[in-house]
Amino acid sequence: MTVDGFSVISHQSSVITHHSSLITHHSSLISHQSSLITHHSSVISHQSSVIA
């Protein structure tokens, strides 16, 4: 194993780590959006019950 090969491997691993952190951030955004949608629908149902 040469030094160049090791630097390539370490660069690939850092890219993979960055990519996985992006995926984790994206999934947390999706879960946050879904909780917002759930909150919005509960507000709508509450308003409709007040109107009724």
C-alpha atoms as a PDB file:
ATOM      1  CA  MET A   1       0.000   0.000   0.000  1.00  0.00           C
ATOM      2  CA  THR A   2       1.472   3.322  -1.042  1.00  0.00           C
ATOM      3  CA  VAL A   3       0.903   6.664   0.620  1.00  0.00           C
ATOM      4  CA  ASP A   4      -1.174   7.771  -2.358  1.00  0.00           C
ATOM      5  CA  GLY A   5      -3.444   4.747  -1.998  1.00  0.00           C
ATOM      6  CA  PHE A   6      -3.913   5.455   1.693  1.00  0.00           C
ATOM      7  CA  SER A   7      -4.766   9.108   1.037  1.00  0.00           C
ATOM      8  CA  VAL A   8      -7.316   8.026  -1.580  1.00  0.00           C
ATOM      9  CA  ILE A   9      -8.905   5.612   0.912  1.00  0.00           C
ATOM     10  CA  SER A  10      -9.044   8.257   3.640  1.00  0.00           C
ATOM     11  CA  HIS A  11     -10.548  10.747   1.187  1.00  0.00           C
ATOM     12  CA  GLN A  12     -13.197   8.227   0.137  1.00  0.00           C
ATOM     13  CA  SER A  13     -14.074   7.515   3.764  1.00  0.00           C
ATOM     14  CA  SER A  14     -14.413  11.233   4.514  1.00  0.00           C
ATOM     15  CA  VAL A  15     -16.684  11.605   1.481  1.00  0.00           C
ATOM     16  CA  ILE A  16     -18.795   8.662   2.693  1.00  0.00           C
ATOM     17  CA  THR A  17     -18.998  10.184   6.177  1.00  0.00           C
ATOM     18  CA  HIS A  18     -20.088  13.532   4.723  1.00  0.00           C
ATOM     19  CA  HIS A  19     -22.680  11.811   2.541  1.00  0.00           C
ATOM     20  CA  SER A  20     -24.129   9.857   5.470  1.00  0.00           C
ATOM     21  CA  SER A  21     -24.382  13.032   7.545  1.00  0.00           C
ATOM     22  CA  LEU A  22     -26.244  14.683   4.665  1.00  0.00           C
ATOM     23  CA  ILE A  23     -28.641  11.720   4.543  1.00  0.00           C
ATOM     24  CA  THR A  24     -29.190  11.960   8.302  1.00  0.00           C
ATOM     25  CA  HIS A  25     -29.857  15.705   8.029  1.00  0.00           C
ATOM     26  CA  HIS A  26     -32.285  15.144   5.150  1.00  0.00           C
ATOM     27  CA  SER A  27     -34.208  12.454   7.030  1.00  0.00           C
ATOM     28  CA  SER A  28     -34.496  14.721  10.085  1.00  0.00           C
ATOM     29  CA  LEU A  29     -35.850  17.465   7.818  1.00  0.00           C
ATOM     30  CA  ILE A  30     -38.423  15.030   6.403  1.00  0.00           C
ATOM     31  CA  SER A  31     -39.526  13.962   9.882  1.00  0.00           C
ATOM     32  CA  HIS A  32     -39.771  17.621  10.933  1.00  0.00           C
ATOM     33  CA  GLN A  33     -41.925  18.397   7.896  1.00  0.00           C
ATOM     34  CA  SER A  34     -44.194  15.427   8.600  1.00  0.00           C
ATOM     35  CA  SER A  35     -44.645  16.568  12.216  1.00  0.00           C
ATOM     36  CA  LEU A  36     -45.520  20.037  10.920  1.00  0.00           C
ATOM     37  CA  ILE A  37     -48.094  18.479   8.568  1.00  0.00           C
ATOM     38  CA  THR A  38     -49.568  16.482  11.461  1.00  0.00           C
ATOM     39  CA  HIS A  39     -49.758  19.626  13.599  1.00  0.00           C
ATOM     40  CA  HIS A  40     -51.378  21.560  10.739  1.00  0.00           C
ATOM     41  CA  SER A  41     -54.006  18.871  10.144  1.00  0.00           C
ATOM     42  CA  SER A  42     -54.847  18.771  13.863  1.00  0.00           C
ATOM     43  CA  VAL A  43     -55.262  22.575  13.832  1.00  0.00           C
ATOM     44  CA  ILE A  44     -57.572  22.276  10.812  1.00  0.00           C
ATOM     45  CA  SER A  45     -59.664  19.580  12.494  1.00  0.00           C
ATOM     46  CA  HIS A  46     -59.841  21.725  15.645  1.00  0.00           C
ATOM     47  CA  GLN A  47     -61.014  24.748  13.638  1.00  0.00           C
ATOM     48  CA  SER A  48     -63.653  22.670  11.829  1.00  0.00           C
ATOM     49  CA  SER A  49     -64.954  21.352  15.146  1.00  0.00           C
ATOM     50  CA  VAL A  50     -65.154  24.921  16.503  1.00  0.00           C
ATOM     51  CA  ILE A  51     -67.067  26.009  13.379  1.00  0.00           C
ATOM     52  CA  ALA A  52     -69.399  23.023  13.689  1.00  0.00           C
END
